[in-house]
Amino acid sequence: MCALSRTVMCVCVCMRAGVHYTPVLTRALLPAARVQAMLEQTDSRIATLKREAYEFKRDVVIAGEDTRTGKLVAEKVEKYFADQLRAKDNMIDKLHLKNQVLRSTLVRLETLLKQKEDVGDVLHYIDFHQLQIENKQYLAKIEEKNAELLRLKLSTGQTVQSLNTMKIRLSAVSKEMTRLRADIRSRGVLLSRLRTENERLCDAITSAQELGVTLARQAREASDMPTIMDYVELKTMQSALAAELSSWKRKLEVTELAATQTAAKMGLPRAAVEELARTGAGAPSSAGRLRQDSEGDEPQPHGRELSEGHRAHPRREAR
């Protein structure tokens, strides 16, 4: 695109945006645009010549050489130049068409610019200065927004990192929760089984207690025999009574001997002493009575003393 075309396009853009060049600015830009257009045209022409030289060497000098004679084939040279002329004609037509379009665009823009000048809506130097100030302000705002965007990106990166960390922790907590739920279910099953076993054991204990009470009542009702402890106590009592009986016998013998000696000292006749002895032999003495009592107690273990033993030892009833 040449400089003139770019100038026209710039004017078009400015017109569409509501910014209008003054004729002075337009006339000031045209010489520079022409020089720039000439430079670009020269560069384009040089590049075109280099390309044409390369293509001529490739298509005519190398490819058009006759392998038998070593000379160029005239038909290929003519064909190459005919193609080049045809391409030039096509380029001329395209450039004419483009020139017409640009001229019509330029005329339209100049007309529009003249209309804007007539109504006084023309961009002056102060307007350019104001636009530069606004441009700087917008650039500062853009820099501020870029800094804020960078800060938000950094914050977003930290947030994403925290989110990933929380996701990892959430996964670990979810696994732990799943494990705890499984543990709770297993513990619940075990607790139900233990409760069932406890109820069964309580029923068994209650049944055993009832059976024990029933058996104890039946044992008390079925048997009234003394217990072993009662027998031991009776044997102990019998031994104590036998020892007391022996002691009283010795005391009685001593008393009788003392009575006989006293009667002899008192001078009682021998006949009276013998009569006293006979009287004592005919009447049962206290020792004899004790002996009879002890002998009468021995063959009756289930008599009065046994009943007293039962009354003295109520723990047998409990057993």
C-alpha atoms as a PDB file:
ATOM      1  CA  MET A   1       0.000   0.000   0.000  1.00  0.00           C
ATOM      2  CA  CYS A   2       1.469   3.362  -1.032  1.00  0.00           C
ATOM      3  CA  ALA A   3       1.703   6.448   1.171  1.00  0.00           C
ATOM      4  CA  LEU A   4      -1.073   8.225  -0.723  1.00  0.00           C
ATOM      5  CA  SER A   5      -3.393   5.306  -0.152  1.00  0.00           C
ATOM      6  CA  ARG A   6      -2.535   5.279   3.540  1.00  0.00           C
ATOM      7  CA  THR A   7      -3.172   9.026   3.721  1.00  0.00           C
ATOM      8  CA  VAL A   8      -6.571   8.588   2.134  1.00  0.00           C
ATOM      9  CA  MET A   9      -7.389   5.743   4.507  1.00  0.00           C
ATOM     10  CA  CYS A  10      -6.313   7.850   7.499  1.00  0.00           C
ATOM     11  CA  VAL A  11      -8.578  10.630   6.362  1.00  0.00           C
ATOM     12  CA  CYS A  12     -11.432   8.115   5.999  1.00  0.00           C
ATOM     13  CA  VAL A  13     -10.882   6.768   9.484  1.00  0.00           C
ATOM     14  CA  CYS A  14     -10.751  10.246  10.947  1.00  0.00           C
ATOM     15  CA  MET A  15     -13.935  11.205   9.160  1.00  0.00           C
ATOM     16  CA  ARG A  16     -15.732   8.139  10.450  1.00  0.00           C
ATOM     17  CA  ALA A  17     -14.507   8.847  13.973  1.00  0.00           C
ATOM     18  CA  GLY A  18     -15.677  12.445  13.823  1.00  0.00           C
ATOM     19  CA  VAL A  19     -12.138  13.894  13.658  1.00  0.00           C
ATOM     20  CA  HIS A  20     -11.495  16.157  10.667  1.00  0.00           C
ATOM     21  CA  TYR A  21      -8.253  17.508   9.221  1.00  0.00           C
ATOM     22  CA  THR A  22      -8.005  21.120   8.229  1.00  0.00           C
ATOM     23  CA  PRO A  23      -6.992  21.947   4.642  1.00  0.00           C
ATOM     24  CA  VAL A  24      -3.705  23.316   5.961  1.00  0.00           C
ATOM     25  CA  LEU A  25      -2.866  20.010   7.608  1.00  0.00           C
ATOM     26  CA  THR A  26      -3.974  18.153   4.514  1.00  0.00           C
ATOM     27  CA  ARG A  27      -1.746  20.278   2.265  1.00  0.00           C
ATOM     28  CA  ALA A  28       1.137  19.846   4.714  1.00  0.00           C
ATOM     29  CA  LEU A  29       0.747  16.080   4.635  1.00  0.00           C
ATOM     30  CA  LEU A  30       0.554  15.713   0.853  1.00  0.00           C
ATOM     31  CA  PRO A  31       4.277  16.425  -0.027  1.00  0.00           C
ATOM     32  CA  ALA A  32       5.490  13.996   2.588  1.00  0.00           C
ATOM     33  CA  ALA A  33       2.951  11.477   1.364  1.00  0.00           C
ATOM     34  CA  ARG A  34       4.154  11.928  -2.202  1.00  0.00           C
ATOM     35  CA  VAL A  35       7.798  11.413  -1.195  1.00  0.00           C
ATOM     36  CA  GLN A  36       6.854   8.364   0.835  1.00  0.00           C
ATOM     37  CA  ALA A  37       4.849   7.058  -2.098  1.00  0.00           C
ATOM     38  CA  MET A  38       7.801   7.545  -4.455  1.00  0.00           C
ATOM     39  CA  LEU A  39      10.118   5.702  -2.071  1.00  0.00           C
ATOM     40  CA  GLU A  40       7.696   2.841  -1.699  1.00  0.00           C
ATOM     41  CA  GLN A  41       7.181   2.715  -5.468  1.00  0.00           C
ATOM     42  CA  THR A  42      10.958   2.590  -6.009  1.00  0.00           C
ATOM     43  CA  ASP A  43      11.331  -0.238  -3.481  1.00  0.00           C
ATOM     44  CA  SER A  44       8.458  -2.093  -5.084  1.00  0.00           C
ATOM     45  CA  ARG A  45       9.975  -1.602  -8.559  1.00  0.00           C
ATOM     46  CA  ILE A  46      13.366  -2.902  -7.396  1.00  0.00           C
ATOM     47  CA  ALA A  47      11.760  -5.970  -5.851  1.00  0.00           C
ATOM     48  CA  THR A  48       9.737  -6.528  -9.036  1.00  0.00           C
ATOM     49  CA  LEU A  49      12.853  -6.285 -11.246  1.00  0.00           C
ATOM     50  CA  LYS A  50      14.710  -8.746  -9.062  1.00  0.00           C
ATOM     51  CA  ARG A  51      11.812 -11.145  -9.199  1.00  0.00           C
ATOM     52  CA  GLU A  52      11.495 -10.780 -12.992  1.00  0.00           C
ATOM     53  CA  ALA A  53      15.258 -11.327 -13.452  1.00  0.00           C
ATOM     54  CA  TYR A  54      15.083 -14.470 -11.354  1.00  0.00           C
ATOM     55  CA  GLU A  55      12.049 -15.760 -13.231  1.00  0.00           C
ATOM     56  CA  PHE A  56      13.652 -14.932 -16.637  1.00  0.00           C
ATOM     57  CA  LYS A  57      16.793 -16.803 -15.682  1.00  0.00           C
ATOM     58  CA  ARG A  58      14.785 -19.730 -14.384  1.00  0.00           C
ATOM     59  CA  ASP A  59      12.224 -19.997 -17.181  1.00  0.00           C
ATOM     60  CA  VAL A  60      14.207 -18.786 -20.235  1.00  0.00           C
ATOM     61  CA  VAL A  61      17.952 -18.938 -19.703  1.00  0.00           C
ATOM     62  CA  ILE A  62      18.009 -22.301 -17.906  1.00  0.00           C
ATOM     63  CA  ALA A  63      14.790 -24.003 -18.917  1.00  0.00           C
ATOM     64  CA  GLY A  64      14.702 -22.537 -22.485  1.00  0.00           C
ATOM     65  CA  GLU A  65      18.178 -23.734 -23.550  1.00  0.00           C
ATOM     66  CA  ASP A  66      18.242 -26.298 -26.324  1.00  0.00           C
ATOM     67  CA  THR A  67      20.067 -29.414 -25.183  1.00  0.00           C
ATOM     68  CA  ARG A  68      21.324 -30.196 -28.701  1.00  0.00           C
ATOM     69  CA  THR A  69      22.546 -26.787 -29.919  1.00  0.00           C
ATOM     70  CA  GLY A  70      23.053 -25.061 -26.535  1.00  0.00           C
ATOM     71  CA  LYS A  71      21.124 -21.973 -27.683  1.00  0.00           C
ATOM     72  CA  LEU A  72      17.927 -20.426 -26.378  1.00  0.00           C
ATOM     73  CA  VAL A  73      14.640 -21.499 -27.906  1.00  0.00           C
ATOM     74  CA  ALA A  74      12.890 -18.496 -29.466  1.00  0.00           C
ATOM     75  CA  GLU A  75       9.423 -19.792 -28.736  1.00  0.00           C
ATOM     76  CA  LYS A  76      10.052 -19.816 -24.983  1.00  0.00           C
ATOM     77  CA  VAL A  77      11.483 -16.294 -25.075  1.00  0.00           C
ATOM     78  CA  GLU A  78       8.462 -15.035 -26.994  1.00  0.00           C
ATOM     79  CA  LYS A  79       6.097 -16.869 -24.666  1.00  0.00           C
ATOM     80  CA  TYR A  80       7.800 -15.414 -21.569  1.00  0.00           C
ATOM     81  CA  PHE A  81       7.591 -11.816 -22.815  1.00  0.00           C
ATOM     82  CA  ALA A  82       4.001 -12.330 -23.956  1.00  0.00           C
ATOM     83  CA  ASP A  83       3.108 -13.556 -20.469  1.00  0.00           C
ATOM     84  CA  GLN A  84       4.900 -10.612 -18.914  1.00  0.00           C
ATOM     85  CA  LEU A  85       3.090  -8.105 -21.167  1.00  0.00           C
ATOM     86  CA  ARG A  86      -0.235  -9.761 -20.406  1.00  0.00           C
ATOM     87  CA  ALA A  87       0.509  -9.575 -16.655  1.00  0.00           C
ATOM     88  CA  LYS A  88       1.473  -5.914 -17.009  1.00  0.00           C
ATOM     89  CA  ASP A  89      -1.775  -5.175 -18.816  1.00  0.00           C
ATOM     90  CA  ASN A  90      -3.736  -6.874 -16.043  1.00  0.00           C
ATOM     91  CA  MET A  91      -1.784  -4.908 -13.428  1.00  0.00           C
ATOM     92  CA  ILE A  92      -2.487  -1.657 -15.333  1.00  0.00           C
ATOM     93  CA  ASP A  93      -6.188  -2.438 -15.377  1.00  0.00           C
ATOM     94  CA  LYS A  94      -6.181  -3.173 -11.657  1.00  0.00           C
ATOM     95  CA  LEU A  95      -4.241   0.003 -10.886  1.00  0.00           C
ATOM     96  CA  HIS A  96      -6.570   2.092 -13.066  1.00  0.00           C
ATOM     97  CA  LEU A  97      -9.550   0.638 -11.219  1.00  0.00           C
ATOM     98  CA  LYS A  98      -7.917   1.203  -7.844  1.00  0.00           C
ATOM     99  CA  ASN A  99      -6.958   4.755  -8.850  1.00  0.00           C
ATOM    100  CA  GLN A 100     -10.522   5.486  -9.807  1.00  0.00           C
ATOM    101  CA  VAL A 101     -11.777   4.123  -6.499  1.00  0.00           C
ATOM    102  CA  LEU A 102      -9.232   6.173  -4.557  1.00  0.00           C
ATOM    103  CA  ARG A 103     -10.047   9.306  -6.544  1.00  0.00           C
ATOM    104  CA  SER A 104     -13.743   8.883  -5.931  1.00  0.00           C
ATOM    105  CA  THR A 105     -13.055   8.277  -2.239  1.00  0.00           C
ATOM    106  CA  LEU A 106     -10.822  11.343  -2.111  1.00  0.00           C
ATOM    107  CA  VAL A 107     -13.436  13.486  -3.826  1.00  0.00           C
ATOM    108  CA  ARG A 108     -16.087  12.254  -1.434  1.00  0.00           C
ATOM    109  CA  LEU A 109     -13.882  12.926   1.566  1.00  0.00           C
ATOM    110  CA  GLU A 110     -12.929  16.373   0.313  1.00  0.00           C
ATOM    111  CA  THR A 111     -16.596  17.148  -0.165  1.00  0.00           C
ATOM    112  CA  LEU A 112     -17.379  15.937   3.314  1.00  0.00           C
ATOM    113  CA  LEU A 113     -14.454  17.898   4.705  1.00  0.00           C
ATOM    114  CA  LYS A 114     -15.657  21.028   2.947  1.00  0.00           C
ATOM    115  CA  GLN A 115     -19.090  20.519   4.431  1.00  0.00           C
ATOM    116  CA  LYS A 116     -17.559  20.161   7.877  1.00  0.00           C
ATOM    117  CA  GLU A 117     -15.551  23.329   7.324  1.00  0.00           C
ATOM    118  CA  ASP A 118     -18.690  25.150   6.337  1.00  0.00           C
ATOM    119  CA  VAL A 119     -20.467  24.213   9.560  1.00  0.00           C
ATOM    120  CA  GLY A 120     -17.344  25.047  11.594  1.00  0.00           C
ATOM    121  CA  ASP A 121     -16.716  21.541  12.933  1.00  0.00           C
ATOM    122  CA  VAL A 122     -13.002  21.517  12.186  1.00  0.00           C
ATOM    123  CA  LEU A 123     -10.229  20.031  14.293  1.00  0.00           C
ATOM    124  CA  HIS A 124      -7.656  22.640  15.373  1.00  0.00           C
ATOM    125  CA  TYR A 125      -4.310  22.426  17.159  1.00  0.00           C
ATOM    126  CA  ILE A 126      -5.877  22.811  20.578  1.00  0.00           C
ATOM    127  CA  ASP A 127      -8.092  19.871  19.783  1.00  0.00           C
ATOM    128  CA  PHE A 128      -5.034  17.777  18.942  1.00  0.00           C
ATOM    129  CA  HIS A 129      -3.458  18.857  22.208  1.00  0.00           C
ATOM    130  CA  GLN A 130      -6.600  17.887  24.078  1.00  0.00           C
ATOM    131  CA  LEU A 131      -6.643  14.563  22.301  1.00  0.00           C
ATOM    132  CA  GLN A 132      -3.025  13.990  23.311  1.00  0.00           C
ATOM    133  CA  ILE A 133      -3.893  14.730  26.933  1.00  0.00           C
ATOM    134  CA  GLU A 134      -6.852  12.369  26.772  1.00  0.00           C
ATOM    135  CA  ASN A 135      -4.633   9.798  25.102  1.00  0.00           C
ATOM    136  CA  LYS A 136      -2.142  10.055  27.974  1.00  0.00           C
ATOM    137  CA  GLN A 137      -4.953   9.743  30.481  1.00  0.00           C
ATOM    138  CA  TYR A 138      -6.281   6.697  28.714  1.00  0.00           C
ATOM    139  CA  LEU A 139      -2.784   5.234  28.585  1.00  0.00           C
ATOM    140  CA  ALA A 140      -2.429   5.798  32.341  1.00  0.00           C
ATOM    141  CA  LYS A 141      -5.797   4.140  32.882  1.00  0.00           C
ATOM    142  CA  ILE A 142      -4.709   1.267  30.654  1.00  0.00           C
ATOM    143  CA  GLU A 143      -1.517   0.873  32.699  1.00  0.00           C
ATOM    144  CA  GLU A 144      -3.559   0.954  35.888  1.00  0.00           C
ATOM    145  CA  LYS A 145      -5.963  -1.629  34.519  1.00  0.00           C
ATOM    146  CA  ASN A 146      -3.020  -3.766  33.394  1.00  0.00           C
ATOM    147  CA  ALA A 147      -1.514  -3.565  36.893  1.00  0.00           C
ATOM    148  CA  GLU A 148      -4.880  -4.457  38.395  1.00  0.00           C
ATOM    149  CA  LEU A 149      -5.219  -7.297  35.896  1.00  0.00           C
ATOM    150  CA  LEU A 150      -1.773  -8.571  36.890  1.00  0.00           C
ATOM    151  CA  ARG A 151      -2.734  -8.342  40.547  1.00  0.00           C
ATOM    152  CA  LEU A 152      -5.960 -10.197  39.845  1.00  0.00           C
ATOM    153  CA  LYS A 153      -4.035 -12.841  37.922  1.00  0.00           C
ATOM    154  CA  LEU A 154      -1.685 -13.299  40.884  1.00  0.00           C
ATOM    155  CA  SER A 155      -4.649 -13.434  43.242  1.00  0.00           C
ATOM    156  CA  THR A 156      -6.343 -15.902  40.920  1.00  0.00           C
ATOM    157  CA  GLY A 157      -3.203 -18.048  40.914  1.00  0.00           C
ATOM    158  CA  GLN A 158      -3.125 -18.043  44.702  1.00  0.00           C
ATOM    159  CA  THR A 159      -6.838 -18.799  44.784  1.00  0.00           C
ATOM    160  CA  VAL A 160      -6.390 -21.697  42.366  1.00  0.00           C
ATOM    161  CA  GLN A 161      -3.514 -23.009  44.472  1.00  0.00           C
ATOM    162  CA  SER A 162      -5.626 -22.730  47.623  1.00  0.00           C
ATOM    163  CA  LEU A 163      -8.495 -24.395  45.784  1.00  0.00           C
ATOM    164  CA  ASN A 164      -6.268 -27.299  44.777  1.00  0.00           C
ATOM    165  CA  THR A 165      -5.049 -27.617  48.368  1.00  0.00           C
ATOM    166  CA  MET A 166      -8.627 -27.573  49.625  1.00  0.00           C
ATOM    167  CA  LYS A 167      -9.590 -30.164  47.026  1.00  0.00           C
ATOM    168  CA  ILE A 168      -6.795 -32.429  48.252  1.00  0.00           C
ATOM    169  CA  ARG A 169      -7.891 -31.907  51.853  1.00  0.00           C
ATOM    170  CA  LEU A 170     -11.522 -32.479  50.864  1.00  0.00           C
ATOM    171  CA  SER A 171     -10.555 -35.737  49.180  1.00  0.00           C
ATOM    172  CA  ALA A 172      -8.670 -36.857  52.299  1.00  0.00           C
ATOM    173  CA  VAL A 173     -11.575 -35.850  54.547  1.00  0.00           C
ATOM    174  CA  SER A 174     -14.031 -37.653  52.244  1.00  0.00           C
ATOM    175  CA  LYS A 175     -11.944 -40.818  52.439  1.00  0.00           C
ATOM    176  CA  GLU A 176     -11.753 -40.487  56.234  1.00  0.00           C
ATOM    177  CA  MET A 177     -15.516 -39.906  56.400  1.00  0.00           C
ATOM    178  CA  THR A 178     -16.131 -42.996  54.262  1.00  0.00           C
ATOM    179  CA  ARG A 179     -13.868 -45.034  56.539  1.00  0.00           C
ATOM    180  CA  LEU A 180     -15.606 -43.697  59.661  1.00  0.00           C
ATOM    181  CA  ARG A 181     -19.033 -44.455  58.206  1.00  0.00           C
ATOM    182  CA  ALA A 182     -17.960 -48.021  57.475  1.00  0.00           C
ATOM    183  CA  ASP A 183     -16.538 -48.262  61.007  1.00  0.00           C
ATOM    184  CA  ILE A 184     -19.782 -46.877  62.456  1.00  0.00           C
ATOM    185  CA  ARG A 185     -21.811 -49.416  60.496  1.00  0.00           C
ATOM    186  CA  SER A 186     -19.617 -52.289  61.691  1.00  0.00           C
ATOM    187  CA  ARG A 187     -19.753 -50.982  65.271  1.00  0.00           C
ATOM    188  CA  GLY A 188     -23.541 -50.679  64.987  1.00  0.00           C
ATOM    189  CA  VAL A 189     -23.826 -54.301  63.861  1.00  0.00           C
ATOM    190  CA  LEU A 190     -21.545 -55.373  66.727  1.00  0.00           C
ATOM    191  CA  LEU A 191     -23.583 -53.288  69.203  1.00  0.00           C
ATOM    192  CA  SER A 192     -26.830 -54.876  68.006  1.00  0.00           C
ATOM    193  CA  ARG A 193     -25.306 -58.326  68.366  1.00  0.00           C
ATOM    194  CA  LEU A 194     -24.031 -57.488  71.870  1.00  0.00           C
ATOM    195  CA  ARG A 195     -27.425 -56.118  72.892  1.00  0.00           C
ATOM    196  CA  THR A 196     -29.104 -59.286  71.681  1.00  0.00           C
ATOM    197  CA  GLU A 197     -26.545 -61.378  73.555  1.00  0.00           C
ATOM    198  CA  ASN A 198     -27.023 -59.217  76.663  1.00  0.00           C
ATOM    199  CA  GLU A 199     -30.795 -59.667  76.544  1.00  0.00           C
ATOM    200  CA  ARG A 200     -30.341 -63.401  76.134  1.00  0.00           C
ATOM    201  CA  LEU A 201     -27.944 -63.519  79.092  1.00  0.00           C
ATOM    202  CA  CYS A 202     -30.313 -61.429  81.220  1.00  0.00           C
ATOM    203  CA  ASP A 203     -33.141 -63.839  80.418  1.00  0.00           C
ATOM    204  CA  ALA A 204     -30.866 -66.779  81.253  1.00  0.00           C
ATOM    205  CA  ILE A 205     -29.802 -65.160  84.562  1.00  0.00           C
ATOM    206  CA  THR A 206     -33.430 -64.436  85.467  1.00  0.00           C
ATOM    207  CA  SER A 207     -34.393 -68.013  84.664  1.00  0.00           C
ATOM    208  CA  ALA A 208     -31.445 -69.324  86.693  1.00  0.00           C
ATOM    209  CA  GLN A 209     -32.388 -67.130  89.670  1.00  0.00           C
ATOM    210  CA  GLU A 210     -35.993 -68.274  89.516  1.00  0.00           C
ATOM    211  CA  LEU A 211     -34.819 -71.870  89.266  1.00  0.00           C
ATOM    212  CA  GLY A 212     -32.481 -71.353  92.255  1.00  0.00           C
ATOM    213  CA  VAL A 213     -35.297 -69.871  94.347  1.00  0.00           C
ATOM    214  CA  THR A 214     -37.581 -72.734  93.360  1.00  0.00           C
ATOM    215  CA  LEU A 215     -34.952 -75.360  94.167  1.00  0.00           C
ATOM    216  CA  ALA A 216     -34.173 -73.717  97.537  1.00  0.00           C
ATOM    217  CA  ARG A 217     -37.862 -73.640  98.425  1.00  0.00           C
ATOM    218  CA  GLN A 218     -38.257 -77.262  97.369  1.00  0.00           C
ATOM    219  CA  ALA A 219     -35.175 -78.230  99.394  1.00  0.00           C
ATOM    220  CA  ARG A 220     -36.561 -76.499 102.512  1.00  0.00           C
ATOM    221  CA  GLU A 221     -39.936 -78.121 102.029  1.00  0.00           C
ATOM    222  CA  ALA A 222     -38.563 -81.611 101.248  1.00  0.00           C
ATOM    223  CA  SER A 223     -35.977 -82.026 104.070  1.00  0.00           C
ATOM    224  CA  ASP A 224     -35.893 -81.062 107.782  1.00  0.00           C
ATOM    225  CA  MET A 225     -32.575 -82.786 108.677  1.00  0.00           C
ATOM    226  CA  PRO A 226     -29.990 -80.904 110.713  1.00  0.00           C
ATOM    227  CA  THR A 227     -27.045 -79.528 108.946  1.00  0.00           C
ATOM    228  CA  ILE A 228     -23.397 -80.373 109.478  1.00  0.00           C
ATOM    229  CA  MET A 229     -22.853 -77.228 111.554  1.00  0.00           C
ATOM    230  CA  ASP A 230     -25.710 -78.227 113.838  1.00  0.00           C
ATOM    231  CA  TYR A 231     -24.128 -81.651 114.321  1.00  0.00           C
ATOM    232  CA  VAL A 232     -20.746 -80.082 115.098  1.00  0.00           C
ATOM    233  CA  GLU A 233     -22.319 -77.723 117.639  1.00  0.00           C
ATOM    234  CA  LEU A 234     -24.183 -80.612 119.299  1.00  0.00           C
ATOM    235  CA  LYS A 235     -20.978 -82.626 119.550  1.00  0.00           C
ATOM    236  CA  THR A 236     -19.242 -79.627 121.120  1.00  0.00           C
ATOM    237  CA  MET A 237     -22.085 -79.199 123.607  1.00  0.00           C
ATOM    238  CA  GLN A 238     -21.975 -82.944 124.481  1.00  0.00           C
ATOM    239  CA  SER A 239     -18.229 -82.776 125.152  1.00  0.00           C
ATOM    240  CA  ALA A 240     -18.704 -79.734 127.412  1.00  0.00           C
ATOM    241  CA  LEU A 241     -21.517 -81.462 129.332  1.00  0.00           C
ATOM    242  CA  ALA A 242     -19.446 -84.649 129.730  1.00  0.00           C
ATOM    243  CA  ALA A 243     -16.566 -82.619 131.170  1.00  0.00           C
ATOM    244  CA  GLU A 244     -18.964 -80.857 133.554  1.00  0.00           C
ATOM    245  CA  LEU A 245     -20.403 -84.256 134.598  1.00  0.00           C
ATOM    246  CA  SER A 246     -16.961 -85.582 135.458  1.00  0.00           C
ATOM    247  CA  SER A 247     -16.267 -82.472 137.507  1.00  0.00           C
ATOM    248  CA  TRP A 248     -19.508 -82.861 139.473  1.00  0.00           C
ATOM    249  CA  LYS A 249     -18.791 -86.552 140.079  1.00  0.00           C
ATOM    250  CA  ARG A 250     -15.457 -85.690 141.644  1.00  0.00           C
ATOM    251  CA  LYS A 251     -17.061 -82.990 143.742  1.00  0.00           C
ATOM    252  CA  LEU A 252     -19.763 -85.457 144.886  1.00  0.00           C
ATOM    253  CA  GLU A 253     -17.231 -88.063 145.892  1.00  0.00           C
ATOM    254  CA  VAL A 254     -15.283 -85.472 147.839  1.00  0.00           C
ATOM    255  CA  THR A 255     -18.485 -84.283 149.538  1.00  0.00           C
ATOM    256  CA  GLU A 256     -19.537 -87.840 150.505  1.00  0.00           C
ATOM    257  CA  LEU A 257     -16.077 -88.536 151.887  1.00  0.00           C
ATOM    258  CA  ALA A 258     -16.200 -85.320 153.877  1.00  0.00           C
ATOM    259  CA  ALA A 259     -19.701 -86.188 155.214  1.00  0.00           C
ATOM    260  CA  THR A 260     -18.522 -89.644 156.331  1.00  0.00           C
ATOM    261  CA  GLN A 261     -15.544 -88.183 158.096  1.00  0.00           C
ATOM    262  CA  THR A 262     -17.707 -85.548 159.763  1.00  0.00           C
ATOM    263  CA  ALA A 263     -20.192 -88.173 161.003  1.00  0.00           C
ATOM    264  CA  ALA A 264     -17.342 -90.219 162.402  1.00  0.00           C
ATOM    265  CA  LYS A 265     -15.924 -87.183 164.160  1.00  0.00           C
ATOM    266  CA  MET A 266     -19.307 -86.349 165.603  1.00  0.00           C
ATOM    267  CA  GLY A 267     -19.411 -89.834 167.185  1.00  0.00           C
ATOM    268  CA  LEU A 268     -22.377 -91.126 165.391  1.00  0.00           C
ATOM    269  CA  PRO A 269     -22.796 -94.875 165.751  1.00  0.00           C
ATOM    270  CA  ARG A 270     -21.633 -97.056 162.954  1.00  0.00           C
ATOM    271  CA  ALA A 271     -25.174 -98.270 162.385  1.00  0.00           C
ATOM    272  CA  ALA A 272     -26.341 -94.718 161.762  1.00  0.00           C
ATOM    273  CA  VAL A 273     -23.515 -94.154 159.362  1.00  0.00           C
ATOM    274  CA  GLU A 274     -24.385 -97.316 157.450  1.00  0.00           C
ATOM    275  CA  GLU A 275     -28.065 -96.356 157.497  1.00  0.00           C
ATOM    276  CA  LEU A 276     -27.106 -92.990 156.109  1.00  0.00           C
ATOM    277  CA  ALA A 277     -25.078 -94.718 153.446  1.00  0.00           C
ATOM    278  CA  ARG A 278     -27.944 -97.021 152.576  1.00  0.00           C
ATOM    279  CA  THR A 279     -30.293 -94.117 152.460  1.00  0.00           C
ATOM    280  CA  GLY A 280     -27.921 -92.367 150.145  1.00  0.00           C
ATOM    281  CA  ALA A 281     -27.639 -95.480 147.972  1.00  0.00           C
ATOM    282  CA  GLY A 282     -31.435 -95.959 147.819  1.00  0.00           C
ATOM    283  CA  ALA A 283     -32.190 -92.330 146.856  1.00  0.00           C
ATOM    284  CA  PRO A 284     -30.623 -91.241 143.661  1.00  0.00           C
ATOM    285  CA  SER A 285     -27.954 -88.732 144.319  1.00  0.00           C
ATOM    286  CA  SER A 286     -27.425 -85.578 142.323  1.00  0.00           C
ATOM    287  CA  ALA A 287     -24.556 -87.233 140.549  1.00  0.00           C
ATOM    288  CA  GLY A 288     -26.795 -90.115 139.561  1.00  0.00           C
ATOM    289  CA  ARG A 289     -29.410 -87.747 138.291  1.00  0.00           C
ATOM    290  CA  LEU A 290     -26.824 -85.939 136.235  1.00  0.00           C
ATOM    291  CA  ARG A 291     -25.613 -89.237 134.865  1.00  0.00           C
ATOM    292  CA  GLN A 292     -29.130 -90.245 133.916  1.00  0.00           C
ATOM    293  CA  ASP A 293     -29.742 -86.921 132.323  1.00  0.00           C
ATOM    294  CA  SER A 294     -26.564 -87.248 130.299  1.00  0.00           C
ATOM    295  CA  GLU A 295     -27.375 -90.826 129.365  1.00  0.00           C
ATOM    296  CA  GLY A 296     -30.945 -89.851 128.482  1.00  0.00           C
ATOM    297  CA  ASP A 297     -29.662 -87.050 126.264  1.00  0.00           C
ATOM    298  CA  GLU A 298     -27.296 -89.213 124.268  1.00  0.00           C
ATOM    299  CA  PRO A 299     -29.727 -91.566 122.464  1.00  0.00           C
ATOM    300  CA  GLN A 300     -32.153 -88.709 121.508  1.00  0.00           C
ATOM    301  CA  PRO A 301     -30.354 -86.433 119.079  1.00  0.00           C
ATOM    302  CA  HIS A 302     -33.663 -85.272 117.559  1.00  0.00           C
ATOM    303  CA  GLY A 303     -35.309 -84.199 120.838  1.00  0.00           C
ATOM    304  CA  ARG A 304     -35.617 -80.905 122.620  1.00  0.00           C
ATOM    305  CA  GLU A 305     -31.949 -79.921 122.241  1.00  0.00           C
ATOM    306  CA  LEU A 306     -32.100 -80.497 118.469  1.00  0.00           C
ATOM    307  CA  SER A 307     -35.137 -78.283 118.178  1.00  0.00           C
ATOM    308  CA  GLU A 308     -33.341 -75.677 120.299  1.00  0.00           C
ATOM    309  CA  GLY A 309     -30.385 -76.059 117.938  1.00  0.00           C
ATOM    310  CA  HIS A 310     -32.678 -75.420 115.007  1.00  0.00           C
ATOM    311  CA  ARG A 311     -33.992 -72.336 116.710  1.00  0.00           C
ATOM    312  CA  ALA A 312     -30.487 -71.188 117.642  1.00  0.00           C
ATOM    313  CA  HIS A 313     -29.205 -71.602 114.088  1.00  0.00           C
ATOM    314  CA  PRO A 314     -31.640 -70.025 111.601  1.00  0.00           C
ATOM    315  CA  ARG A 315     -29.023 -70.023 108.824  1.00  0.00           C
ATOM    316  CA  ARG A 316     -29.875 -73.668 108.146  1.00  0.00           C
ATOM    317  CA  GLU A 317     -33.286 -72.505 106.896  1.00  0.00           C
ATOM    318  CA  ALA A 318     -31.573 -70.090 104.535  1.00  0.00           C
ATOM    319  CA  ARG A 319     -29.431 -72.913 103.194  1.00  0.00           C
END
